[in-house]
């Protein structure tokens, strides 16, 4: 079982918006953006997919397209198995900030496949 942990010393380009980065050894990356200590967005990456939420209400679920000799880009991806991702995330995120876990789970469950 893989556990998500926070990386220390994450490069901060913008002084107003702070970024926190969580990862595990083989499945997850979670990047959380905060302004004035309030979460304004996050991107949950898993299995070459990215689920993104922004405070503005914007949601997206995308696939990481990694063609050879090109920079990877995000392209629209169809079905998002909310229950499966929620359950796996809850299992693997027991050691990180509960406020972040609760928000990510809430947004996962609020997302409607498009």
PDB file of N, CA and C in Angstrom:
ATOM      1  N   UNK A   1       0.842  -1.177   0.000  1.00  0.00           N
ATOM      2  CA  UNK A   1       0.000   0.000   0.000  1.00  0.00           C
ATOM      3  C   UNK A   1       0.887   1.240   0.000  1.00  0.00           C
ATOM      4  N   UNK A   2       0.561   2.150  -0.866  1.00  0.00           N
ATOM      5  CA  UNK A   2       1.346   3.363  -1.028  1.00  0.00           C
ATOM      6  C   UNK A   2       0.725   4.488  -0.212  1.00  0.00           C
ATOM      7  N   UNK A   3       1.553   5.281   0.439  1.00  0.00           N
ATOM      8  CA  UNK A   3       1.077   6.404   1.236  1.00  0.00           C
ATOM      9  C   UNK A   3       1.545   7.716   0.622  1.00  0.00           C
ATOM     10  N   UNK A   4       0.628   8.661   0.543  1.00  0.00           N
ATOM     11  CA  UNK A   4       0.953   9.980   0.024  1.00  0.00           C
ATOM     12  C   UNK A   4       1.638  10.784   1.124  1.00  0.00           C
ATOM     13  N   UNK A   5       2.692  11.501   0.743  1.00  0.00           N
ATOM     14  CA  UNK A   5       3.434  12.326   1.694  1.00  0.00           C
ATOM     15  C   UNK A   5       3.733  13.673   1.032  1.00  0.00           C
ATOM     16  N   UNK A   6       3.976  14.680   1.859  1.00  0.00           N
ATOM     17  CA  UNK A   6       4.267  16.008   1.334  1.00  0.00           C
ATOM     18  C   UNK A   6       5.752  16.148   1.050  1.00  0.00           C
ATOM     19  N   UNK A   7       6.065  16.747  -0.089  1.00  0.00           N
ATOM     20  CA  UNK A   7       7.447  17.058  -0.422  1.00  0.00           C
ATOM     21  C   UNK A   7       7.830  18.366   0.240  1.00  0.00           C
ATOM     22  N   UNK A   8       9.025  18.430   0.750  1.00  0.00           N
ATOM     23  CA  UNK A   8       9.540  19.668   1.331  1.00  0.00           C
ATOM     24  C   UNK A   8      10.332  20.415   0.277  1.00  0.00           C
ATOM     25  N   UNK A   9      10.518  21.692   0.501  1.00  0.00           N
ATOM     26  CA  UNK A   9      11.325  22.530  -0.371  1.00  0.00           C
ATOM     27  C   UNK A   9      10.808  22.559  -1.812  1.00  0.00           C
ATOM     28  N   UNK A  10       9.530  22.825  -1.962  1.00  0.00           N
ATOM     29  CA  UNK A  10       8.934  22.968  -3.283  1.00  0.00           C
ATOM     30  C   UNK A  10       9.218  24.375  -3.776  1.00  0.00           C
ATOM     31  N   UNK A  11       9.735  24.505  -4.991  1.00  0.00           N
ATOM     32  CA  UNK A  11      10.051  25.805  -5.566  1.00  0.00           C
ATOM     33  C   UNK A  11       8.794  26.664  -5.653  1.00  0.00           C
ATOM     34  N   UNK A  12       8.884  27.902  -5.203  1.00  0.00           N
ATOM     35  CA  UNK A  12       7.762  28.838  -5.208  1.00  0.00           C
ATOM     36  C   UNK A  12       8.097  30.014  -6.120  1.00  0.00           C
ATOM     37  N   UNK A  13       7.525  30.042  -7.292  1.00  0.00           N
ATOM     38  CA  UNK A  13       7.787  31.135  -8.235  1.00  0.00           C
ATOM     39  C   UNK A  13       6.985  32.380  -7.867  1.00  0.00           C
ATOM     40  N   UNK A  14       5.747  32.204  -7.497  1.00  0.00           N
ATOM     41  CA  UNK A  14       4.859  33.321  -7.167  1.00  0.00           C
ATOM     42  C   UNK A  14       4.769  33.426  -5.648  1.00  0.00           C
ATOM     43  N   UNK A  15       5.125  34.575  -5.110  1.00  0.00           N
ATOM     44  CA  UNK A  15       5.123  34.741  -3.660  1.00  0.00           C
ATOM     45  C   UNK A  15       3.726  34.840  -3.079  1.00  0.00           C
ATOM     46  N   UNK A  16       2.734  35.244  -3.868  1.00  0.00           N
ATOM     47  CA  UNK A  16       1.370  35.377  -3.363  1.00  0.00           C
ATOM     48  C   UNK A  16       0.631  34.043  -3.324  1.00  0.00           C
ATOM     49  N   UNK A  17       0.931  33.179  -4.252  1.00  0.00           N
ATOM     50  CA  UNK A  17       0.275  31.874  -4.307  1.00  0.00           C
ATOM     51  C   UNK A  17       1.299  30.813  -3.925  1.00  0.00           C
ATOM     52  N   UNK A  18       0.989  30.097  -2.871  1.00  0.00           N
ATOM     53  CA  UNK A  18       1.883  29.041  -2.375  1.00  0.00           C
ATOM     54  C   UNK A  18       1.437  27.695  -2.930  1.00  0.00           C
ATOM     55  N   UNK A  19       2.405  26.880  -3.235  1.00  0.00           N
ATOM     56  CA  UNK A  19       2.140  25.559  -3.782  1.00  0.00           C
ATOM     57  C   UNK A  19       2.636  24.514  -2.798  1.00  0.00           C
ATOM     58  N   UNK A  20       1.789  23.527  -2.543  1.00  0.00           N
ATOM     59  CA  UNK A  20       2.190  22.365  -1.750  1.00  0.00           C
ATOM     60  C   UNK A  20       2.079  21.150  -2.660  1.00  0.00           C
ATOM     61  N   UNK A  21       3.060  20.255  -2.550  1.00  0.00           N
ATOM     62  CA  UNK A  21       3.122  19.111  -3.443  1.00  0.00           C
ATOM     63  C   UNK A  21       3.184  17.843  -2.602  1.00  0.00           C
ATOM     64  N   UNK A  22       2.266  16.934  -2.920  1.00  0.00           N
ATOM     65  CA  UNK A  22       2.179  15.648  -2.242  1.00  0.00           C
ATOM     66  C   UNK A  22       2.377  14.553  -3.283  1.00  0.00           C
ATOM     67  N   UNK A  23       3.023  13.472  -2.887  1.00  0.00           N
ATOM     68  CA  UNK A  23       3.285  12.392  -3.845  1.00  0.00           C
ATOM     69  C   UNK A  23       3.411  11.067  -3.111  1.00  0.00           C
ATOM     70  N   UNK A  24       3.405  10.002  -3.874  1.00  0.00           N
ATOM     71  CA  UNK A  24       3.757   8.694  -3.347  1.00  0.00           C
ATOM     72  C   UNK A  24       4.757   8.081  -4.319  1.00  0.00           C
ATOM     73  N   UNK A  25       5.091   6.836  -4.116  1.00  0.00           N
ATOM     74  CA  UNK A  25       6.147   6.227  -4.920  1.00  0.00           C
ATOM     75  C   UNK A  25       5.704   5.769  -6.301  1.00  0.00           C
ATOM     76  N   UNK A  26       4.379   5.589  -6.507  1.00  0.00           N
ATOM     77  CA  UNK A  26       4.040   4.999  -7.796  1.00  0.00           C
ATOM     78  C   UNK A  26       2.697   5.385  -8.408  1.00  0.00           C
ATOM     79  N   UNK A  27       1.879   6.220  -7.774  1.00  0.00           N
ATOM     80  CA  UNK A  27       0.558   6.452  -8.355  1.00  0.00           C
ATOM     81  C   UNK A  27       0.114   7.908  -8.341  1.00  0.00           C
ATOM     82  N   UNK A  28       0.274   8.617  -7.244  1.00  0.00           N
ATOM     83  CA  UNK A  28      -0.309   9.931  -7.050  1.00  0.00           C
ATOM     84  C   UNK A  28       0.700  11.082  -7.109  1.00  0.00           C
ATOM     85  N   UNK A  29       0.218  12.213  -7.585  1.00  0.00           N
ATOM     86  CA  UNK A  29       0.813  13.523  -7.353  1.00  0.00           C
ATOM     87  C   UNK A  29      -0.358  14.459  -7.106  1.00  0.00           C
ATOM     88  N   UNK A  30      -0.269  15.230  -6.042  1.00  0.00           N
ATOM     89  CA  UNK A  30      -1.297  16.214  -5.723  1.00  0.00           C
ATOM     90  C   UNK A  30      -0.601  17.541  -5.504  1.00  0.00           C
ATOM     91  N   UNK A  31      -0.963  18.520  -6.331  1.00  0.00           N
ATOM     92  CA  UNK A  31      -0.424  19.860  -6.187  1.00  0.00           C
ATOM     93  C   UNK A  31      -1.580  20.741  -5.718  1.00  0.00           C
ATOM     94  N   UNK A  32      -1.366  21.461  -4.614  1.00  0.00           N
ATOM     95  CA  UNK A  32      -2.398  22.313  -4.027  1.00  0.00           C
ATOM     96  C   UNK A  32      -1.894  23.745  -4.064  1.00  0.00           C
ATOM     97  N   UNK A  33      -2.740  24.668  -4.570  1.00  0.00           N
ATOM     98  CA  UNK A  33      -2.397  26.079  -4.606  1.00  0.00           C
ATOM     99  C   UNK A  33      -3.211  26.810  -3.548  1.00  0.00           C
ATOM    100  N   UNK A  34      -2.538  27.678  -2.777  1.00  0.00           N
ATOM    101  CA  UNK A  34      -3.215  28.437  -1.720  1.00  0.00           C
ATOM    102  C   UNK A  34      -2.808  29.903  -1.793  1.00  0.00           C
ATOM    103  N   UNK A  35      -3.775  30.748  -1.498  1.00  0.00           N
ATOM    104  CA  UNK A  35      -3.537  32.182  -1.435  1.00  0.00           C
ATOM    105  C   UNK A  35      -4.085  32.664  -0.097  1.00  0.00           C
ATOM    106  N   UNK A  36      -3.253  33.348   0.675  1.00  0.00           N
ATOM    107  CA  UNK A  36      -3.638  33.771   2.026  1.00  0.00           C
ATOM    108  C   UNK A  36      -4.131  32.591   2.858  1.00  0.00           C
ATOM    109  N   UNK A  37      -3.436  31.480   2.737  1.00  0.00           N
ATOM    110  CA  UNK A  37      -3.736  30.242   3.470  1.00  0.00           C
ATOM    111  C   UNK A  37      -5.092  29.628   3.136  1.00  0.00           C
ATOM    112  N   UNK A  38      -5.689  30.007   2.003  1.00  0.00           N
ATOM    113  CA  UNK A  38      -6.945  29.409   1.552  1.00  0.00           C
ATOM    114  C   UNK A  38      -6.693  28.702   0.226  1.00  0.00           C
ATOM    115  N   UNK A  39      -7.164  27.481   0.137  1.00  0.00           N
ATOM    116  CA  UNK A  39      -6.955  26.690  -1.077  1.00  0.00           C
ATOM    117  C   UNK A  39      -7.764  27.293  -2.213  1.00  0.00           C
ATOM    118  N   UNK A  40      -7.069  27.550  -3.325  1.00  0.00           N
ATOM    119  CA  UNK A  40      -7.726  28.128  -4.497  1.00  0.00           C
ATOM    120  C   UNK A  40      -7.741  27.164  -5.683  1.00  0.00           C
ATOM    121  N   UNK A  41      -7.122  26.012  -5.513  1.00  0.00           N
ATOM    122  CA  UNK A  41      -7.131  25.027  -6.578  1.00  0.00           C
ATOM    123  C   UNK A  41      -6.233  23.859  -6.258  1.00  0.00           C
ATOM    124  N   UNK A  42      -6.413  22.800  -7.025  1.00  0.00           N
ATOM    125  CA  UNK A  42      -5.525  21.651  -6.900  1.00  0.00           C
ATOM    126  C   UNK A  42      -5.555  20.851  -8.193  1.00  0.00           C
ATOM    127  N   UNK A  43      -4.529  20.042  -8.359  1.00  0.00           N
ATOM    128  CA  UNK A  43      -4.476  19.088  -9.464  1.00  0.00           C
ATOM    129  C   UNK A  43      -4.055  17.750  -8.891  1.00  0.00           C
ATOM    130  N   UNK A  44      -4.910  16.752  -9.083  1.00  0.00           N
ATOM    131  CA  UNK A  44      -4.654  15.401  -8.622  1.00  0.00           C
ATOM    132  C   UNK A  44      -4.289  14.561  -9.844  1.00  0.00           C
ATOM    133  N   UNK A  45      -3.039  14.115  -9.893  1.00  0.00           N
ATOM    134  CA  UNK A  45      -2.547  13.339 -11.029  1.00  0.00           C
ATOM    135  C   UNK A  45      -2.426  11.882 -10.624  1.00  0.00           C
ATOM    136  N   UNK A  46      -2.861  11.004 -11.526  1.00  0.00           N
ATOM    137  CA  UNK A  46      -2.834   9.561 -11.271  1.00  0.00           C
ATOM    138  C   UNK A  46      -2.869   8.840 -12.612  1.00  0.00           C
ATOM    139  N   UNK A  47      -2.124   7.771 -12.724  1.00  0.00           N
ATOM    140  CA  UNK A  47      -2.187   6.898 -13.900  1.00  0.00           C
ATOM    141  C   UNK A  47      -2.255   7.659 -15.223  1.00  0.00           C
ATOM    142  N   UNK A  48      -1.377   8.637 -15.412  1.00  0.00           N
ATOM    143  CA  UNK A  48      -1.336   9.471 -16.625  1.00  0.00           C
ATOM    144  C   UNK A  48      -2.615  10.252 -16.873  1.00  0.00           C
ATOM    145  N   UNK A  49      -3.313  10.591 -15.796  1.00  0.00           N
ATOM    146  CA  UNK A  49      -4.507  11.424 -15.880  1.00  0.00           C
ATOM    147  C   UNK A  49      -4.383  12.555 -14.869  1.00  0.00           C
ATOM    148  N   UNK A  50      -5.142  13.625 -15.096  1.00  0.00           N
ATOM    149  CA  UNK A  50      -5.097  14.772 -14.200  1.00  0.00           C
ATOM    150  C   UNK A  50      -6.515  15.280 -13.962  1.00  0.00           C
ATOM    151  N   UNK A  51      -6.889  15.352 -12.682  1.00  0.00           N
ATOM    152  CA  UNK A  51      -8.163  15.923 -12.270  1.00  0.00           C
ATOM    153  C   UNK A  51      -7.852  17.266 -11.630  1.00  0.00           C
ATOM    154  N   UNK A  52      -8.429  18.339 -12.172  1.00  0.00           N
ATOM    155  CA  UNK A  52      -8.100  19.688 -11.712  1.00  0.00           C
ATOM    156  C   UNK A  52      -9.373  20.397 -11.265  1.00  0.00           C
ATOM    157  N   UNK A  53      -9.248  21.115 -10.137  1.00  0.00           N
ATOM    158  CA  UNK A  53     -10.319  21.977  -9.644  1.00  0.00           C
ATOM    159  C   UNK A  53      -9.733  23.344  -9.333  1.00  0.00           C
ATOM    160  N   UNK A  54     -10.498  24.385  -9.700  1.00  0.00           N
ATOM    161  CA  UNK A  54     -10.114  25.764  -9.367  1.00  0.00           C
ATOM    162  C   UNK A  54     -11.273  26.441  -8.644  1.00  0.00           C
ATOM    163  N   UNK A  55     -10.939  27.347  -7.742  1.00  0.00           N
ATOM    164  CA  UNK A  55     -11.928  28.050  -6.926  1.00  0.00           C
ATOM    165  C   UNK A  55     -13.006  28.723  -7.775  1.00  0.00           C
ATOM    166  N   UNK A  56     -12.664  29.095  -8.985  1.00  0.00           N
ATOM    167  CA  UNK A  56     -13.623  29.737  -9.893  1.00  0.00           C
ATOM    168  C   UNK A  56     -14.762  28.799 -10.287  1.00  0.00           C
ATOM    169  N   UNK A  57     -14.651  27.520  -9.908  1.00  0.00           N
ATOM    170  CA  UNK A  57     -15.673  26.544 -10.260  1.00  0.00           C
ATOM    171  C   UNK A  57     -15.285  25.670 -11.437  1.00  0.00           C
ATOM    172  N   UNK A  58     -14.124  25.908 -11.974  1.00  0.00           N
ATOM    173  CA  UNK A  58     -13.654  25.146 -13.135  1.00  0.00           C
ATOM    174  C   UNK A  58     -13.170  23.764 -12.706  1.00  0.00           C
ATOM    175  N   UNK A  59     -13.648  22.760 -13.416  1.00  0.00           N
ATOM    176  CA  UNK A  59     -13.206  21.381 -13.222  1.00  0.00           C
ATOM    177  C   UNK A  59     -12.692  20.867 -14.562  1.00  0.00           C
ATOM    178  N   UNK A  60     -11.747  19.950 -14.512  1.00  0.00           N
ATOM    179  CA  UNK A  60     -11.359  19.248 -15.732  1.00  0.00           C
ATOM    180  C   UNK A  60     -10.797  17.883 -15.377  1.00  0.00           C
ATOM    181  N   UNK A  61     -10.963  16.962 -16.305  1.00  0.00           N
ATOM    182  CA  UNK A  61     -10.359  15.638 -16.200  1.00  0.00           C
ATOM    183  C   UNK A  61      -9.667  15.404 -17.528  1.00  0.00           C
ATOM    184  N   UNK A  62      -8.343  15.226 -17.468  1.00  0.00           N
ATOM    185  CA  UNK A  62      -7.574  15.154 -18.699  1.00  0.00           C
ATOM    186  C   UNK A  62      -6.592  13.989 -18.671  1.00  0.00           C
ATOM    187  N   UNK A  63      -6.150  13.631 -19.859  1.00  0.00           N
ATOM    188  CA  UNK A  63      -5.156  12.594 -20.039  1.00  0.00           C
ATOM    189  C   UNK A  63      -3.826  13.263 -20.369  1.00  0.00           C
ATOM    190  N   UNK A  64      -2.748  12.717 -19.857  1.00  0.00           N
ATOM    191  CA  UNK A  64      -1.423  13.233 -20.179  1.00  0.00           C
ATOM    192  C   UNK A  64      -0.960  12.555 -21.465  1.00  0.00           C
ATOM    193  N   UNK A  65      -0.852  13.333 -22.527  1.00  0.00           N
ATOM    194  CA  UNK A  65      -0.436  12.829 -23.831  1.00  0.00           C
ATOM    195  C   UNK A  65       1.082  12.978 -23.927  1.00  0.00           C
ATOM    196  N   UNK A  66       1.781  11.851 -23.934  1.00  0.00           N
ATOM    197  CA  UNK A  66       3.249  11.872 -23.917  1.00  0.00           C
ATOM    198  C   UNK A  66       3.823  11.287 -25.204  1.00  0.00           C
ATOM    199  N   UNK A  67       3.587  11.955 -26.322  1.00  0.00           N
ATOM    200  CA  UNK A  67       4.177  11.496 -27.580  1.00  0.00           C
ATOM    201  C   UNK A  67       5.683  11.688 -27.539  1.00  0.00           C
ATOM    202  N   UNK A  68       6.384  10.798 -28.169  1.00  0.00           N
ATOM    203  CA  UNK A  68       7.850  10.898 -28.210  1.00  0.00           C
ATOM    204  C   UNK A  68       8.298  12.207 -28.829  1.00  0.00           C
ATOM    205  N   UNK A  69       9.373  12.718 -28.290  1.00  0.00           N
ATOM    206  CA  UNK A  69      10.016  13.936 -28.790  1.00  0.00           C
ATOM    207  C   UNK A  69       9.155  15.191 -28.647  1.00  0.00           C
ATOM    208  N   UNK A  70       8.149  15.142 -27.778  1.00  0.00           N
ATOM    209  CA  UNK A  70       7.332  16.333 -27.528  1.00  0.00           C
ATOM    210  C   UNK A  70       7.130  16.484 -26.029  1.00  0.00           C
ATOM    211  N   UNK A  71       6.898  17.702 -25.610  1.00  0.00           N
ATOM    212  CA  UNK A  71       6.555  17.962 -24.223  1.00  0.00           C
ATOM    213  C   UNK A  71       5.176  17.380 -23.952  1.00  0.00           C
ATOM    214  N   UNK A  72       4.995  16.666 -22.847  1.00  0.00           N
ATOM    215  CA  UNK A  72       3.660  16.139 -22.531  1.00  0.00           C
ATOM    216  C   UNK A  72       2.639  17.269 -22.424  1.00  0.00           C
ATOM    217  N   UNK A  73       1.439  17.016 -22.931  1.00  0.00           N
ATOM    218  CA  UNK A  73       0.355  17.989 -22.846  1.00  0.00           C
ATOM    219  C   UNK A  73      -0.880  17.309 -22.282  1.00  0.00           C
ATOM    220  N   UNK A  74      -1.786  18.114 -21.747  1.00  0.00           N
ATOM    221  CA  UNK A  74      -3.051  17.590 -21.242  1.00  0.00           C
ATOM    222  C   UNK A  74      -4.099  17.696 -22.335  1.00  0.00           C
ATOM    223  N   UNK A  75      -4.813  16.587 -22.564  1.00  0.00           N
ATOM    224  CA  UNK A  75      -5.895  16.556 -23.541  1.00  0.00           C
ATOM    225  C   UNK A  75      -7.156  16.050 -22.839  1.00  0.00           C
ATOM    226  N   UNK A  76      -8.329  16.439 -23.318  1.00  0.00           N
ATOM    227  CA  UNK A  76      -9.566  15.995 -22.661  1.00  0.00           C
ATOM    228  C   UNK A  76      -9.625  14.473 -22.562  1.00  0.00           C
ATOM    229  N   UNK A  77     -10.135  14.015 -21.439  1.00  0.00           N
ATOM    230  CA  UNK A  77     -10.317  12.584 -21.219  1.00  0.00           C
ATOM    231  C   UNK A  77     -11.761  12.372 -20.806  1.00  0.00           C
ATOM    232  N   UNK A  78     -12.321  11.311 -21.230  1.00  0.00           N
ATOM    233  CA  UNK A  78     -13.730  11.043 -20.981  1.00  0.00           C
ATOM    234  C   UNK A  78     -14.044  10.654 -19.551  1.00  0.00           C
ATOM    235  N   UNK A  79     -14.491   9.463 -19.371  1.00  0.00           N
ATOM    236  CA  UNK A  79     -15.066   8.986 -18.114  1.00  0.00           C
ATOM    237  C   UNK A  79     -14.098   9.085 -16.936  1.00  0.00           C
ATOM    238  N   UNK A  80     -14.619   9.561 -15.817  1.00  0.00           N
ATOM    239  CA  UNK A  80     -13.875   9.684 -14.568  1.00  0.00           C
ATOM    240  C   UNK A  80     -14.603   8.835 -13.532  1.00  0.00           C
ATOM    241  N   UNK A  81     -13.972   7.783 -13.061  1.00  0.00           N
ATOM    242  CA  UNK A  81     -14.582   6.871 -12.082  1.00  0.00           C
ATOM    243  C   UNK A  81     -14.429   7.473 -10.689  1.00  0.00           C
ATOM    244  N   UNK A  82     -15.363   8.338 -10.335  1.00  0.00           N
ATOM    245  CA  UNK A  82     -15.286   9.096  -9.084  1.00  0.00           C
ATOM    246  C   UNK A  82     -15.147   8.205  -7.859  1.00  0.00           C
ATOM    247  N   UNK A  83     -15.970   7.185  -7.764  1.00  0.00           N
ATOM    248  CA  UNK A  83     -15.948   6.333  -6.575  1.00  0.00           C
ATOM    249  C   UNK A  83     -14.623   5.592  -6.431  1.00  0.00           C
ATOM    250  N   UNK A  84     -14.115   5.071  -7.518  1.00  0.00           N
ATOM    251  CA  UNK A  84     -12.840   4.342  -7.482  1.00  0.00           C
ATOM    252  C   UNK A  84     -11.696   5.264  -7.061  1.00  0.00           C
ATOM    253  N   UNK A  85     -11.611   6.437  -7.672  1.00  0.00           N
ATOM    254  CA  UNK A  85     -10.542   7.377  -7.341  1.00  0.00           C
ATOM    255  C   UNK A  85     -10.701   7.893  -5.913  1.00  0.00           C
ATOM    256  N   UNK A  86     -11.925   8.215  -5.510  1.00  0.00           N
ATOM    257  CA  UNK A  86     -12.163   8.656  -4.127  1.00  0.00           C
ATOM    258  C   UNK A  86     -11.686   7.604  -3.128  1.00  0.00           C
ATOM    259  N   UNK A  87     -12.090   6.360  -3.337  1.00  0.00           N
ATOM    260  CA  UNK A  87     -11.744   5.300  -2.391  1.00  0.00           C
ATOM    261  C   UNK A  87     -10.244   5.080  -2.311  1.00  0.00           C
ATOM    262  N   UNK A  88      -9.576   5.055  -3.465  1.00  0.00           N
ATOM    263  CA  UNK A  88      -8.129   4.843  -3.459  1.00  0.00           C
ATOM    264  C   UNK A  88      -7.413   6.044  -2.829  1.00  0.00           C
ATOM    265  N   UNK A  89      -7.879   7.251  -3.149  1.00  0.00           N
ATOM    266  CA  UNK A  89      -7.263   8.450  -2.569  1.00  0.00           C
ATOM    267  C   UNK A  89      -7.429   8.449  -1.047  1.00  0.00           C
ATOM    268  N   UNK A  90      -8.621   8.146  -0.556  1.00  0.00           N
ATOM    269  CA  UNK A  90      -8.845   8.103   0.894  1.00  0.00           C
ATOM    270  C   UNK A  90      -7.928   7.087   1.570  1.00  0.00           C
ATOM    271  N   UNK A  91      -7.748   5.964   0.952  1.00  0.00           N
ATOM    272  CA  UNK A  91      -6.879   4.930   1.531  1.00  0.00           C
ATOM    273  C   UNK A  91      -5.422   5.382   1.589  1.00  0.00           C
ATOM    274  N   UNK A  92      -4.970   6.061   0.538  1.00  0.00           N
ATOM    275  CA  UNK A  92      -3.555   6.418   0.434  1.00  0.00           C
ATOM    276  C   UNK A  92      -3.205   7.752   1.088  1.00  0.00           C
ATOM    277  N   UNK A  93      -4.193   8.554   1.459  1.00  0.00           N
ATOM    278  CA  UNK A  93      -3.917   9.914   1.942  1.00  0.00           C
ATOM    279  C   UNK A  93      -4.122  10.077   3.451  1.00  0.00           C
ATOM    280  N   UNK A  94      -4.084   9.017   4.186  1.00  0.00           N
ATOM    281  CA  UNK A  94      -4.356   9.075   5.624  1.00  0.00           C
ATOM    282  C   UNK A  94      -3.336   9.888   6.408  1.00  0.00           C
ATOM    283  N   UNK A  95      -2.170  10.117   5.841  1.00  0.00           N
ATOM    284  CA  UNK A  95      -1.115  10.817   6.569  1.00  0.00           C
ATOM    285  C   UNK A  95      -0.968  12.290   6.188  1.00  0.00           C
ATOM    286  N   UNK A  96      -1.899  12.831   5.396  1.00  0.00           N
ATOM    287  CA  UNK A  96      -1.791  14.245   5.035  1.00  0.00           C
ATOM    288  C   UNK A  96      -2.940  15.037   5.656  1.00  0.00           C
ATOM    289  N   UNK A  97      -2.835  16.342   5.588  1.00  0.00           N
ATOM    290  CA  UNK A  97      -3.776  17.292   6.178  1.00  0.00           C
ATOM    291  C   UNK A  97      -5.232  16.921   5.837  1.00  0.00           C
ATOM    292  N   UNK A  98      -6.031  16.697   6.869  1.00  0.00           N
ATOM    293  CA  UNK A  98      -7.425  16.286   6.683  1.00  0.00           C
ATOM    294  C   UNK A  98      -8.232  17.331   5.920  1.00  0.00           C
ATOM    295  N   UNK A  99      -7.940  18.614   6.112  1.00  0.00           N
ATOM    296  CA  UNK A  99      -8.645  19.674   5.390  1.00  0.00           C
ATOM    297  C   UNK A  99      -8.445  19.512   3.876  1.00  0.00           C
ATOM    298  N   UNK A 100      -7.230  19.178   3.475  1.00  0.00           N
ATOM    299  CA  UNK A 100      -6.939  18.980   2.050  1.00  0.00           C
ATOM    300  C   UNK A 100      -7.643  17.728   1.547  1.00  0.00           C
ATOM    301  N   UNK A 101      -7.537  16.639   2.290  1.00  0.00           N
ATOM    302  CA  UNK A 101      -8.194  15.388   1.885  1.00  0.00           C
ATOM    303  C   UNK A 101      -9.694  15.609   1.709  1.00  0.00           C
ATOM    304  N   UNK A 102     -10.323  16.253   2.684  1.00  0.00           N
ATOM    305  CA  UNK A 102     -11.770  16.489   2.617  1.00  0.00           C
ATOM    306  C   UNK A 102     -12.151  17.319   1.399  1.00  0.00           C
ATOM    307  N   UNK A 103     -11.371  18.362   1.100  1.00  0.00           N
ATOM    308  CA  UNK A 103     -11.670  19.198  -0.055  1.00  0.00           C
ATOM    309  C   UNK A 103     -11.522  18.409  -1.361  1.00  0.00           C
ATOM    310  N   UNK A 104     -10.439  17.661  -1.491  1.00  0.00           N
ATOM    311  CA  UNK A 104     -10.219  16.878  -2.714  1.00  0.00           C
ATOM    312  C   UNK A 104     -11.358  15.875  -2.898  1.00  0.00           C
ATOM    313  N   UNK A 105     -11.732  15.187  -1.853  1.00  0.00           N
ATOM    314  CA  UNK A 105     -12.820  14.199  -1.950  1.00  0.00           C
ATOM    315  C   UNK A 105     -14.135  14.889  -2.319  1.00  0.00           C
ATOM    316  N   UNK A 106     -14.414  16.029  -1.686  1.00  0.00           N
ATOM    317  CA  UNK A 106     -15.640  16.772  -2.016  1.00  0.00           C
ATOM    318  C   UNK A 106     -15.679  17.129  -3.496  1.00  0.00           C
ATOM    319  N   UNK A 107     -14.566  17.635  -4.024  1.00  0.00           N
ATOM    320  CA  UNK A 107     -14.532  18.057  -5.429  1.00  0.00           C
ATOM    321  C   UNK A 107     -14.575  16.858  -6.374  1.00  0.00           C
ATOM    322  N   UNK A 108     -13.950  15.763  -5.989  1.00  0.00           N
ATOM    323  CA  UNK A 108     -14.058  14.539  -6.797  1.00  0.00           C
ATOM    324  C   UNK A 108     -15.522  14.143  -6.930  1.00  0.00           C
ATOM    325  N   UNK A 109     -16.246  14.144  -5.823  1.00  0.00           N
ATOM    326  CA  UNK A 109     -17.618  13.692  -5.834  1.00  0.00           C
ATOM    327  C   UNK A 109     -18.566  14.705  -6.487  1.00  0.00           C
ATOM    328  N   UNK A 110     -18.171  15.976  -6.543  1.00  0.00           N
ATOM    329  CA  UNK A 110     -18.995  16.998  -7.198  1.00  0.00           C
ATOM    330  C   UNK A 110     -18.815  17.038  -8.714  1.00  0.00           C
ATOM    331  N   UNK A 111     -17.757  16.397  -9.194  1.00  0.00           N
ATOM    332  CA  UNK A 111     -17.469  16.442 -10.632  1.00  0.00           C
ATOM    333  C   UNK A 111     -18.459  15.559 -11.389  1.00  0.00           C
ATOM    334  N   UNK A 112     -18.954  16.091 -12.472  1.00  0.00           N
ATOM    335  CA  UNK A 112     -19.866  15.332 -13.334  1.00  0.00           C
ATOM    336  C   UNK A 112     -19.163  15.097 -14.654  1.00  0.00           C
ATOM    337  N   UNK A 113     -19.092  13.843 -15.072  1.00  0.00           N
ATOM    338  CA  UNK A 113     -18.435  13.524 -16.339  1.00  0.00           C
ATOM    339  C   UNK A 113     -19.079  14.312 -17.468  1.00  0.00           C
ATOM    340  N   UNK A 114     -18.223  14.778 -18.355  1.00  0.00           N
ATOM    341  CA  UNK A 114     -18.725  15.605 -19.446  1.00  0.00           C
ATOM    342  C   UNK A 114     -18.532  14.916 -20.764  1.00  0.00           C
TER     343      UNK A 114
END
